Amino acid sequence: MFFQFPFVDLLPQINKMEITILKKASELFIKYGFKNVTMDEIANDLAISKKTIYVYYENKSDLVEAVVN
């Protein structure tokens, strides 16, 4: 019998969410500058919880680094 973790089916959705967060963050950073954009603003623009962003990025610095790279 093959065991599959329950979250494996969610991997495409997880990757899609991460890409969505990166795109929105990039858009806002370009428009307003890194220092002027908050995690709350990114979350609000995406209509998601700020906690969702923190699933992927520990803090704003990590998100900025992901956008730049």
N, C-alpha and C. Protein backbone atom coordinates (compact mmCIF):
# COMPACT_ATOMS: atom_id res chain seq x y z
N MET A 1 0.84 -1.18 0.00
CA MET A 1 0.00 0.00 0.00
C MET A 1 0.89 1.25 0.00
N PHE A 2 0.54 2.19 -0.83
CA PHE A 2 1.30 3.42 -0.96
C PHE A 2 0.70 4.48 -0.04
N PHE A 3 1.54 5.06 0.81
CA PHE A 3 1.08 6.10 1.72
C PHE A 3 1.36 7.46 1.12
N GLN A 4 0.36 8.32 1.13
CA GLN A 4 0.52 9.67 0.61
C GLN A 4 0.12 10.66 1.69
N PHE A 5 0.96 11.64 1.94
CA PHE A 5 0.63 12.66 2.91
C PHE A 5 -0.58 13.46 2.42
N PRO A 6 -1.47 13.85 3.30
CA PRO A 6 -2.68 14.56 2.89
C PRO A 6 -2.42 15.86 2.15
N PHE A 7 -1.32 16.55 2.48
CA PHE A 7 -1.08 17.84 1.86
C PHE A 7 -0.47 17.74 0.47
N VAL A 8 -0.06 16.56 0.03
CA VAL A 8 0.59 16.42 -1.27
C VAL A 8 -0.33 16.90 -2.39
N ASP A 9 -1.62 16.65 -2.26
CA ASP A 9 -2.57 17.10 -3.28
C ASP A 9 -2.67 18.62 -3.34
N LEU A 10 -2.25 19.29 -2.30
CA LEU A 10 -2.33 20.75 -2.26
C LEU A 10 -1.10 21.44 -2.83
N LEU A 11 -0.06 20.70 -3.16
CA LEU A 11 1.20 21.32 -3.61
C LEU A 11 1.01 22.28 -4.78
N PRO A 12 0.25 21.94 -5.81
CA PRO A 12 0.07 22.92 -6.89
C PRO A 12 -0.61 24.20 -6.40
N GLN A 13 -1.54 24.09 -5.48
CA GLN A 13 -2.21 25.26 -4.94
C GLN A 13 -1.26 26.08 -4.08
N ILE A 14 -0.41 25.41 -3.32
CA ILE A 14 0.57 26.11 -2.49
C ILE A 14 1.53 26.90 -3.37
N ASN A 15 2.04 26.26 -4.42
CA ASN A 15 2.94 26.96 -5.33
C ASN A 15 2.25 28.14 -6.00
N LYS A 16 0.98 27.97 -6.36
CA LYS A 16 0.22 29.04 -6.99
C LYS A 16 0.07 30.22 -6.03
N MET A 17 -0.21 29.95 -4.77
CA MET A 17 -0.36 31.02 -3.79
C MET A 17 0.95 31.75 -3.58
N GLU A 18 2.03 31.01 -3.50
CA GLU A 18 3.34 31.66 -3.31
C GLU A 18 3.66 32.58 -4.49
N ILE A 19 3.39 32.13 -5.69
CA ILE A 19 3.62 32.94 -6.89
C ILE A 19 2.73 34.17 -6.87
N THR A 20 1.49 34.00 -6.45
CA THR A 20 0.55 35.13 -6.35
C THR A 20 1.06 36.17 -5.36
N ILE A 21 1.54 35.72 -4.23
CA ILE A 21 2.09 36.63 -3.21
C ILE A 21 3.31 37.38 -3.77
N LEU A 22 4.19 36.66 -4.42
CA LEU A 22 5.39 37.28 -4.98
C LEU A 22 5.05 38.33 -6.04
N LYS A 23 4.10 38.02 -6.88
CA LYS A 23 3.70 38.97 -7.93
C LYS A 23 3.12 40.24 -7.32
N LYS A 24 2.22 40.09 -6.36
CA LYS A 24 1.59 41.26 -5.73
C LYS A 24 2.63 42.07 -4.96
N ALA A 25 3.49 41.40 -4.22
CA ALA A 25 4.52 42.11 -3.46
C ALA A 25 5.43 42.89 -4.41
N SER A 26 5.82 42.26 -5.49
CA SER A 26 6.68 42.91 -6.47
C SER A 26 6.01 44.15 -7.05
N GLU A 27 4.75 44.00 -7.39
CA GLU A 27 3.98 45.13 -7.94
C GLU A 27 3.93 46.30 -6.96
N LEU A 28 3.63 46.01 -5.70
CA LEU A 28 3.54 47.06 -4.70
C LEU A 28 4.90 47.66 -4.36
N PHE A 29 5.94 46.82 -4.30
CA PHE A 29 7.28 47.33 -4.01
C PHE A 29 7.75 48.28 -5.11
N ILE A 30 7.46 47.93 -6.35
CA ILE A 30 7.86 48.80 -7.47
C ILE A 30 7.10 50.12 -7.42
N LYS A 31 5.82 50.04 -7.12
CA LYS A 31 4.97 51.23 -7.12
C LYS A 31 5.25 52.17 -5.95
N TYR A 32 5.45 51.59 -4.74
CA TYR A 32 5.55 52.40 -3.53
C TYR A 32 6.90 52.34 -2.82
N GLY A 33 7.75 51.39 -3.20
CA GLY A 33 9.03 51.21 -2.52
C GLY A 33 8.93 50.19 -1.40
N PHE A 34 10.01 49.48 -1.15
CA PHE A 34 10.03 48.42 -0.13
C PHE A 34 9.60 48.92 1.24
N LYS A 35 10.15 50.06 1.65
CA LYS A 35 9.90 50.56 2.99
C LYS A 35 8.45 51.00 3.21
N ASN A 36 7.77 51.35 2.13
CA ASN A 36 6.43 51.92 2.25
C ASN A 36 5.30 50.89 2.13
N VAL A 37 5.64 49.64 1.93
CA VAL A 37 4.62 48.60 1.77
C VAL A 37 4.65 47.69 3.00
N THR A 38 3.49 47.43 3.57
CA THR A 38 3.41 46.54 4.73
C THR A 38 2.86 45.18 4.32
N MET A 39 3.09 44.22 5.17
CA MET A 39 2.54 42.89 4.93
C MET A 39 1.01 42.95 4.94
N ASP A 40 0.46 43.81 5.78
CA ASP A 40 -1.00 44.00 5.81
C ASP A 40 -1.52 44.47 4.46
N GLU A 41 -0.83 45.41 3.85
CA GLU A 41 -1.27 45.93 2.56
C GLU A 41 -1.22 44.86 1.47
N ILE A 42 -0.18 44.05 1.48
CA ILE A 42 -0.08 42.95 0.52
C ILE A 42 -1.24 41.99 0.73
N ALA A 43 -1.46 41.61 1.97
CA ALA A 43 -2.56 40.68 2.28
C ALA A 43 -3.90 41.27 1.88
N ASN A 44 -4.14 42.53 2.20
CA ASN A 44 -5.41 43.17 1.85
C ASN A 44 -5.63 43.21 0.35
N ASP A 45 -4.61 43.54 -0.40
CA ASP A 45 -4.74 43.58 -1.86
C ASP A 45 -5.06 42.21 -2.43
N LEU A 46 -4.57 41.17 -1.78
CA LEU A 46 -4.83 39.80 -2.25
C LEU A 46 -6.09 39.19 -1.63
N ALA A 47 -6.70 39.90 -0.70
CA ALA A 47 -7.88 39.40 0.02
C ALA A 47 -7.58 38.08 0.72
N ILE A 48 -6.41 38.06 1.37
CA ILE A 48 -6.00 36.90 2.17
C ILE A 48 -5.59 37.38 3.55
N SER A 49 -5.42 36.46 4.44
CA SER A 49 -4.93 36.78 5.78
C SER A 49 -3.42 37.01 5.74
N LYS A 50 -2.97 37.92 6.59
CA LYS A 50 -1.52 38.12 6.71
C LYS A 50 -0.84 36.83 7.15
N LYS A 51 -1.54 36.03 7.92
CA LYS A 51 -1.00 34.74 8.36
C LYS A 51 -0.66 33.85 7.17
N THR A 52 -1.42 33.96 6.09
CA THR A 52 -1.14 33.18 4.90
C THR A 52 0.22 33.54 4.31
N ILE A 53 0.54 34.81 4.30
CA ILE A 53 1.86 35.24 3.81
C ILE A 53 2.95 34.65 4.68
N TYR A 54 2.72 34.65 6.00
CA TYR A 54 3.73 34.14 6.93
C TYR A 54 3.90 32.62 6.85
N VAL A 55 3.00 31.94 6.19
CA VAL A 55 3.21 30.51 5.91
C VAL A 55 4.40 30.33 4.99
N TYR A 56 4.57 31.28 4.08
CA TYR A 56 5.63 31.20 3.06
C TYR A 56 6.87 32.00 3.40
N TYR A 57 6.71 33.10 4.12
CA TYR A 57 7.83 33.99 4.42
C TYR A 57 7.79 34.35 5.90
N GLU A 58 8.91 34.15 6.56
CA GLU A 58 9.00 34.37 8.01
C GLU A 58 8.79 35.83 8.37
N ASN A 59 9.25 36.72 7.49
CA ASN A 59 9.13 38.15 7.75
C ASN A 59 9.21 38.92 6.44
N LYS A 60 9.06 40.22 6.52
CA LYS A 60 9.08 41.05 5.31
C LYS A 60 10.44 40.97 4.61
N SER A 61 11.50 40.91 5.36
CA SER A 61 12.84 40.81 4.75
C SER A 61 12.96 39.57 3.88
N ASP A 62 12.40 38.45 4.34
CA ASP A 62 12.42 37.22 3.54
C ASP A 62 11.61 37.39 2.26
N LEU A 63 10.49 38.08 2.36
CA LEU A 63 9.66 38.31 1.18
C LEU A 63 10.38 39.22 0.20
N VAL A 64 10.98 40.28 0.69
CA VAL A 64 11.74 41.19 -0.18
C VAL A 64 12.87 40.42 -0.89
N GLU A 65 13.57 39.60 -0.14
CA GLU A 65 14.66 38.81 -0.73
C GLU A 65 14.13 37.87 -1.82
N ALA A 66 12.99 37.25 -1.59
CA ALA A 66 12.39 36.36 -2.59
C ALA A 66 11.99 37.12 -3.85
N VAL A 67 11.48 38.32 -3.68
CA VAL A 67 11.08 39.14 -4.82
C VAL A 67 12.31 39.55 -5.62
N VAL A 68 13.36 39.95 -4.94
CA VAL A 68 14.58 40.42 -5.61
C VAL A 68 15.28 39.28 -6.35
N ASN A 69 15.24 38.10 -5.74
CA ASN A 69 15.91 36.95 -6.37
C ASN A 69 14.96 36.33 -7.35
